[in-house]
Amino acid sequence: MQRTMMKSKIHRARVTESNLNYEGSITIDGHLMEKADIIPYEQVDIYNVTTGERFTTYAIKGERNSGVICVNGAAAYKAKAGDIIIIVTYGRYDEKELANLKPKKVYIADEKNKKLKDSI
């Protein structure tokens, strides 16, 4: 049997912009993507802490260390600049893989998405 488990998350990132007139996706600072083990075009779930909205899209790598979190396309209706979001990825794991599963957790410590907290 396989189980779907959290692979990684970026916790409490602040949306820096939204762009309705762009192909759908979320642009994420490249450094944050690397820390959270998210690759370009990987499916991500977005949980908007500010509004309660939840949606699925895919990641696009933004400029490294820019702090960018830009919600693009139709998803721009679901999150705007200033909203606090959680970005989550999931993977499918066999039962024997679960014992060693250690999801990557990136905790944002500032409003510009540049300072990180130690893992909790």
N, C-alpha and C. Protein backbone atom coordinates (compact mmCIF):
# COMPACT_ATOMS: atom_id res chain seq x y z
N MET A 1 0.84 -1.18 0.00
CA MET A 1 0.00 0.00 0.00
C MET A 1 0.89 1.25 0.00
N GLN A 2 0.42 2.28 -0.67
CA GLN A 2 1.10 3.57 -0.63
C GLN A 2 0.21 4.56 0.09
N ARG A 3 0.86 5.50 0.77
CA ARG A 3 0.14 6.58 1.45
C ARG A 3 0.62 7.91 0.87
N THR A 4 -0.30 8.85 0.78
CA THR A 4 0.05 10.21 0.36
C THR A 4 0.39 11.00 1.60
N MET A 5 1.62 11.51 1.65
CA MET A 5 2.13 12.19 2.85
C MET A 5 2.71 13.56 2.45
N MET A 6 2.77 14.47 3.42
CA MET A 6 3.41 15.75 3.17
C MET A 6 4.90 15.53 2.86
N LYS A 7 5.35 16.09 1.75
CA LYS A 7 6.75 16.02 1.36
C LYS A 7 7.50 17.25 1.85
N SER A 8 6.84 18.42 1.73
CA SER A 8 7.49 19.66 2.13
C SER A 8 6.47 20.77 2.29
N LYS A 9 6.90 21.83 2.98
CA LYS A 9 6.04 23.02 3.08
C LYS A 9 6.87 24.26 3.33
N ILE A 10 6.31 25.37 2.87
CA ILE A 10 6.81 26.70 3.21
C ILE A 10 5.69 27.31 4.05
N HIS A 11 5.97 27.56 5.32
CA HIS A 11 4.95 27.92 6.29
C HIS A 11 4.91 29.43 6.54
N ARG A 12 3.74 30.00 6.36
CA ARG A 12 3.45 31.41 6.64
C ARG A 12 4.28 32.38 5.79
N ALA A 13 4.34 32.07 4.49
CA ALA A 13 4.94 33.01 3.55
C ALA A 13 3.95 34.14 3.30
N ARG A 14 4.46 35.28 2.94
CA ARG A 14 3.60 36.43 2.64
C ARG A 14 3.56 36.62 1.14
N VAL A 15 2.35 36.69 0.58
CA VAL A 15 2.20 36.95 -0.85
C VAL A 15 2.73 38.36 -1.12
N THR A 16 3.64 38.47 -2.09
CA THR A 16 4.22 39.78 -2.41
C THR A 16 3.49 40.46 -3.57
N GLU A 17 2.84 39.65 -4.40
CA GLU A 17 2.08 40.21 -5.53
C GLU A 17 1.17 39.14 -6.11
N SER A 18 0.22 39.60 -6.90
CA SER A 18 -0.61 38.68 -7.68
C SER A 18 -0.73 39.27 -9.08
N ASN A 19 -0.78 38.37 -10.06
CA ASN A 19 -0.77 38.80 -11.45
C ASN A 19 -1.84 38.02 -12.20
N LEU A 20 -3.01 38.60 -12.32
CA LEU A 20 -4.15 37.96 -12.97
C LEU A 20 -3.87 37.66 -14.44
N ASN A 21 -3.09 38.49 -15.10
CA ASN A 21 -2.85 38.36 -16.54
C ASN A 21 -1.63 37.52 -16.88
N TYR A 22 -1.31 36.56 -16.04
CA TYR A 22 -0.19 35.66 -16.29
C TYR A 22 -0.72 34.24 -16.29
N GLU A 23 -0.08 33.37 -17.04
CA GLU A 23 -0.45 31.96 -17.04
C GLU A 23 -0.45 31.44 -15.60
N GLY A 24 -1.38 30.61 -15.25
CA GLY A 24 -1.56 30.15 -13.88
C GLY A 24 -0.34 29.51 -13.26
N SER A 25 -0.12 29.77 -11.99
CA SER A 25 1.00 29.19 -11.24
C SER A 25 1.23 30.03 -9.99
N ILE A 26 2.30 29.68 -9.27
CA ILE A 26 2.78 30.54 -8.19
C ILE A 26 4.29 30.66 -8.35
N THR A 27 4.79 31.87 -8.40
CA THR A 27 6.21 32.12 -8.49
C THR A 27 6.75 32.18 -7.07
N ILE A 28 7.78 31.36 -6.80
CA ILE A 28 8.35 31.26 -5.45
C ILE A 28 9.84 31.54 -5.54
N ASP A 29 10.34 32.35 -4.62
CA ASP A 29 11.78 32.61 -4.49
C ASP A 29 12.55 31.29 -4.65
N GLY A 30 13.53 31.27 -5.54
CA GLY A 30 14.30 30.05 -5.82
C GLY A 30 14.97 29.47 -4.59
N HIS A 31 15.44 30.32 -3.69
CA HIS A 31 16.08 29.84 -2.46
C HIS A 31 15.07 29.08 -1.60
N LEU A 32 13.85 29.62 -1.48
CA LEU A 32 12.82 28.96 -0.68
C LEU A 32 12.43 27.62 -1.32
N MET A 33 12.36 27.60 -2.65
CA MET A 33 12.04 26.34 -3.33
C MET A 33 13.10 25.29 -3.03
N GLU A 34 14.36 25.67 -3.10
CA GLU A 34 15.44 24.72 -2.82
C GLU A 34 15.37 24.22 -1.38
N LYS A 35 15.17 25.13 -0.44
CA LYS A 35 15.09 24.73 0.97
C LYS A 35 13.93 23.76 1.21
N ALA A 36 12.83 23.94 0.48
CA ALA A 36 11.63 23.12 0.67
C ALA A 36 11.58 21.93 -0.30
N ASP A 37 12.63 21.74 -1.10
CA ASP A 37 12.66 20.64 -2.05
C ASP A 37 11.46 20.67 -3.00
N ILE A 38 11.19 21.86 -3.55
CA ILE A 38 10.15 22.04 -4.56
C ILE A 38 10.85 22.34 -5.87
N ILE A 39 10.46 21.65 -6.93
CA ILE A 39 11.09 21.88 -8.23
C ILE A 39 10.11 22.60 -9.16
N PRO A 40 10.63 23.28 -10.19
CA PRO A 40 9.75 23.97 -11.12
C PRO A 40 8.71 23.03 -11.73
N TYR A 41 7.49 23.52 -11.80
CA TYR A 41 6.33 22.83 -12.36
C TYR A 41 5.76 21.73 -11.46
N GLU A 42 6.31 21.60 -10.25
CA GLU A 42 5.75 20.64 -9.30
C GLU A 42 4.41 21.16 -8.79
N GLN A 43 3.47 20.25 -8.61
CA GLN A 43 2.16 20.62 -8.07
C GLN A 43 2.32 21.06 -6.61
N VAL A 44 1.65 22.15 -6.27
CA VAL A 44 1.63 22.64 -4.89
C VAL A 44 0.20 22.96 -4.48
N ASP A 45 -0.09 22.73 -3.23
CA ASP A 45 -1.35 23.18 -2.65
C ASP A 45 -1.07 24.45 -1.87
N ILE A 46 -1.96 25.41 -2.00
CA ILE A 46 -1.83 26.69 -1.32
C ILE A 46 -2.96 26.81 -0.32
N TYR A 47 -2.62 27.09 0.93
CA TYR A 47 -3.61 27.31 1.98
C TYR A 47 -3.47 28.76 2.42
N ASN A 48 -4.49 29.57 2.14
CA ASN A 48 -4.45 30.99 2.46
C ASN A 48 -4.93 31.17 3.90
N VAL A 49 -4.00 31.45 4.79
CA VAL A 49 -4.31 31.63 6.21
C VAL A 49 -5.19 32.86 6.41
N THR A 50 -4.97 33.89 5.61
CA THR A 50 -5.70 35.15 5.74
C THR A 50 -7.18 35.00 5.39
N THR A 51 -7.48 34.26 4.31
CA THR A 51 -8.86 34.20 3.82
C THR A 51 -9.53 32.84 3.98
N GLY A 52 -8.75 31.80 4.23
CA GLY A 52 -9.30 30.46 4.30
C GLY A 52 -9.39 29.76 2.96
N GLU A 53 -9.03 30.43 1.88
CA GLU A 53 -9.05 29.82 0.54
C GLU A 53 -8.01 28.71 0.46
N ARG A 54 -8.32 27.69 -0.34
CA ARG A 54 -7.39 26.60 -0.63
C ARG A 54 -7.45 26.34 -2.13
N PHE A 55 -6.29 26.15 -2.75
CA PHE A 55 -6.26 25.86 -4.18
C PHE A 55 -4.97 25.14 -4.55
N THR A 56 -4.99 24.53 -5.71
CA THR A 56 -3.85 23.78 -6.23
C THR A 56 -3.36 24.47 -7.49
N THR A 57 -2.03 24.53 -7.63
CA THR A 57 -1.41 25.09 -8.83
C THR A 57 -0.04 24.44 -8.99
N TYR A 58 0.86 25.08 -9.71
CA TYR A 58 2.21 24.55 -9.85
C TYR A 58 3.22 25.66 -9.61
N ALA A 59 4.43 25.25 -9.24
CA ALA A 59 5.47 26.21 -8.86
C ALA A 59 6.31 26.65 -10.05
N ILE A 60 6.65 27.92 -10.05
CA ILE A 60 7.62 28.49 -10.99
C ILE A 60 8.74 29.11 -10.14
N LYS A 61 9.98 28.86 -10.53
CA LYS A 61 11.12 29.38 -9.77
C LYS A 61 11.28 30.87 -10.02
N GLY A 62 11.27 31.64 -8.92
CA GLY A 62 11.51 33.07 -8.97
C GLY A 62 12.96 33.39 -8.67
N GLU A 63 13.30 34.65 -8.76
CA GLU A 63 14.67 35.09 -8.50
C GLU A 63 15.10 34.69 -7.09
N ARG A 64 16.27 34.10 -7.00
CA ARG A 64 16.83 33.63 -5.74
C ARG A 64 17.02 34.79 -4.77
N ASN A 65 16.60 34.60 -3.52
CA ASN A 65 16.73 35.57 -2.42
C ASN A 65 15.94 36.86 -2.66
N SER A 66 14.96 36.81 -3.54
CA SER A 66 14.14 37.99 -3.81
C SER A 66 12.98 38.10 -2.83
N GLY A 67 12.60 36.97 -2.23
CA GLY A 67 11.43 36.95 -1.36
C GLY A 67 10.11 36.87 -2.11
N VAL A 68 10.17 36.74 -3.43
CA VAL A 68 8.95 36.77 -4.24
C VAL A 68 8.05 35.56 -3.95
N ILE A 69 6.79 35.86 -3.75
CA ILE A 69 5.70 34.88 -3.71
C ILE A 69 4.58 35.54 -4.50
N CYS A 70 4.47 35.18 -5.79
CA CYS A 70 3.50 35.82 -6.68
C CYS A 70 2.49 34.80 -7.16
N VAL A 71 1.23 35.05 -6.86
CA VAL A 71 0.14 34.17 -7.29
C VAL A 71 -0.32 34.65 -8.66
N ASN A 72 -0.33 33.73 -9.63
CA ASN A 72 -0.56 34.08 -11.02
C ASN A 72 -1.85 33.49 -11.57
N GLY A 73 -2.36 34.11 -12.62
CA GLY A 73 -3.53 33.62 -13.33
C GLY A 73 -4.79 33.67 -12.47
N ALA A 74 -5.70 32.73 -12.72
CA ALA A 74 -6.98 32.72 -12.00
C ALA A 74 -6.81 32.64 -10.50
N ALA A 75 -5.71 32.02 -10.04
CA ALA A 75 -5.47 31.92 -8.60
C ALA A 75 -5.28 33.29 -7.95
N ALA A 76 -4.99 34.31 -8.77
CA ALA A 76 -4.83 35.66 -8.23
C ALA A 76 -6.13 36.15 -7.56
N TYR A 77 -7.25 35.53 -7.89
CA TYR A 77 -8.50 35.86 -7.21
C TYR A 77 -8.53 35.28 -5.79
N LYS A 78 -7.67 34.31 -5.51
CA LYS A 78 -7.70 33.60 -4.25
C LYS A 78 -6.65 34.05 -3.25
N ALA A 79 -5.71 34.89 -3.68
CA ALA A 79 -4.67 35.41 -2.78
C ALA A 79 -4.15 36.72 -3.34
N LYS A 80 -3.94 37.68 -2.45
CA LYS A 80 -3.43 38.99 -2.89
C LYS A 80 -2.25 39.39 -2.02
N ALA A 81 -1.54 40.41 -2.45
CA ALA A 81 -0.38 40.89 -1.72
C ALA A 81 -0.74 41.13 -0.25
N GLY A 82 0.12 40.62 0.62
CA GLY A 82 -0.09 40.77 2.05
C GLY A 82 -0.71 39.55 2.72
N ASP A 83 -1.38 38.70 1.94
CA ASP A 83 -1.97 37.49 2.52
C ASP A 83 -0.87 36.55 3.00
N ILE A 84 -1.15 35.83 4.08
CA ILE A 84 -0.24 34.83 4.60
C ILE A 84 -0.70 33.47 4.08
N ILE A 85 0.24 32.71 3.50
CA ILE A 85 -0.12 31.42 2.92
C ILE A 85 0.84 30.31 3.40
N ILE A 86 0.39 29.10 3.23
CA ILE A 86 1.22 27.91 3.43
C ILE A 86 1.25 27.19 2.08
N ILE A 87 2.45 26.85 1.63
CA ILE A 87 2.65 26.17 0.35
C ILE A 87 3.08 24.74 0.68
N VAL A 88 2.32 23.74 0.20
CA VAL A 88 2.57 22.35 0.59
C VAL A 88 2.70 21.46 -0.64
N THR A 89 3.63 20.51 -0.57
CA THR A 89 3.73 19.45 -1.57
C THR A 89 3.51 18.11 -0.88
N TYR A 90 3.05 17.15 -1.66
CA TYR A 90 2.80 15.80 -1.15
C TYR A 90 3.50 14.79 -2.04
N GLY A 91 3.80 13.63 -1.48
CA GLY A 91 4.38 12.53 -2.24
C GLY A 91 3.70 11.24 -1.84
N ARG A 92 3.88 10.21 -2.67
CA ARG A 92 3.33 8.89 -2.36
C ARG A 92 4.48 8.01 -1.90
N TYR A 93 4.26 7.36 -0.79
CA TYR A 93 5.31 6.57 -0.16
C TYR A 93 4.82 5.18 0.17
N ASP A 94 5.71 4.20 -0.02
CA ASP A 94 5.43 2.84 0.42
C ASP A 94 5.52 2.79 1.94
N GLU A 95 4.87 1.82 2.54
CA GLU A 95 4.87 1.67 4.00
C GLU A 95 6.29 1.65 4.56
N LYS A 96 7.22 0.97 3.90
CA LYS A 96 8.58 0.88 4.44
C LYS A 96 9.34 2.20 4.35
N GLU A 97 8.92 3.11 3.48
CA GLU A 97 9.57 4.42 3.38
C GLU A 97 9.15 5.35 4.51
N LEU A 98 8.02 5.09 5.12
CA LEU A 98 7.47 6.00 6.13
C LEU A 98 8.35 6.13 7.36
N ALA A 99 9.06 5.09 7.74
CA ALA A 99 9.91 5.13 8.93
C ALA A 99 11.00 6.20 8.81
N ASN A 100 11.44 6.46 7.59
CA ASN A 100 12.52 7.44 7.38
C ASN A 100 12.03 8.75 6.77
N LEU A 101 10.73 8.92 6.67
CA LEU A 101 10.18 10.13 6.06
C LEU A 101 10.42 11.33 6.96
N LYS A 102 11.06 12.34 6.40
CA LYS A 102 11.30 13.59 7.12
C LYS A 102 10.96 14.74 6.18
N PRO A 103 9.71 15.20 6.22
CA PRO A 103 9.33 16.30 5.33
C PRO A 103 10.19 17.54 5.56
N LYS A 104 10.47 18.26 4.48
CA LYS A 104 11.20 19.53 4.58
C LYS A 104 10.21 20.59 5.02
N LYS A 105 10.55 21.33 6.07
CA LYS A 105 9.68 22.38 6.58
C LYS A 105 10.46 23.68 6.65
N VAL A 106 9.98 24.67 5.91
CA VAL A 106 10.61 25.99 5.87
C VAL A 106 9.66 26.96 6.55
N TYR A 107 10.13 27.57 7.64
CA TYR A 107 9.31 28.51 8.40
C TYR A 107 9.80 29.93 8.15
N ILE A 108 8.91 30.76 7.64
CA ILE A 108 9.24 32.16 7.33
C ILE A 108 9.18 32.98 8.61
N ALA A 109 10.19 33.85 8.80
CA ALA A 109 10.29 34.63 10.04
C ALA A 109 10.10 36.13 9.84
N ASP A 110 9.84 36.57 8.62
CA ASP A 110 9.65 38.01 8.40
C ASP A 110 8.63 38.25 7.30
N GLU A 111 8.22 39.50 7.12
CA GLU A 111 7.19 39.84 6.14
C GLU A 111 7.72 39.89 4.71
N LYS A 112 9.03 39.80 4.53
CA LYS A 112 9.61 39.87 3.18
C LYS A 112 10.04 38.49 2.67
N ASN A 113 9.73 37.44 3.42
CA ASN A 113 10.05 36.06 3.04
C ASN A 113 11.55 35.81 2.88
N LYS A 114 12.36 36.54 3.63
CA LYS A 114 13.81 36.39 3.49
C LYS A 114 14.46 35.77 4.72
N LYS A 115 13.87 35.93 5.89
CA LYS A 115 14.44 35.35 7.11
C LYS A 115 13.68 34.08 7.43
N LEU A 116 14.45 33.06 7.80
CA LEU A 116 13.86 31.77 8.11
C LEU A 116 14.07 31.43 9.59
N LYS A 117 13.08 30.75 10.17
CA LYS A 117 13.20 30.24 11.53
C LYS A 117 13.80 28.84 11.45
N ASP A 118 14.36 28.39 12.54
CA ASP A 118 14.78 27.00 12.62
C ASP A 118 13.55 26.11 12.58
N SER A 119 13.71 24.91 12.07
CA SER A 119 12.60 23.96 12.02
C SER A 119 12.05 23.71 13.41
N ILE A 120 10.74 23.56 13.47
CA ILE A 120 10.07 23.30 14.75
C ILE A 120 9.97 21.80 14.94
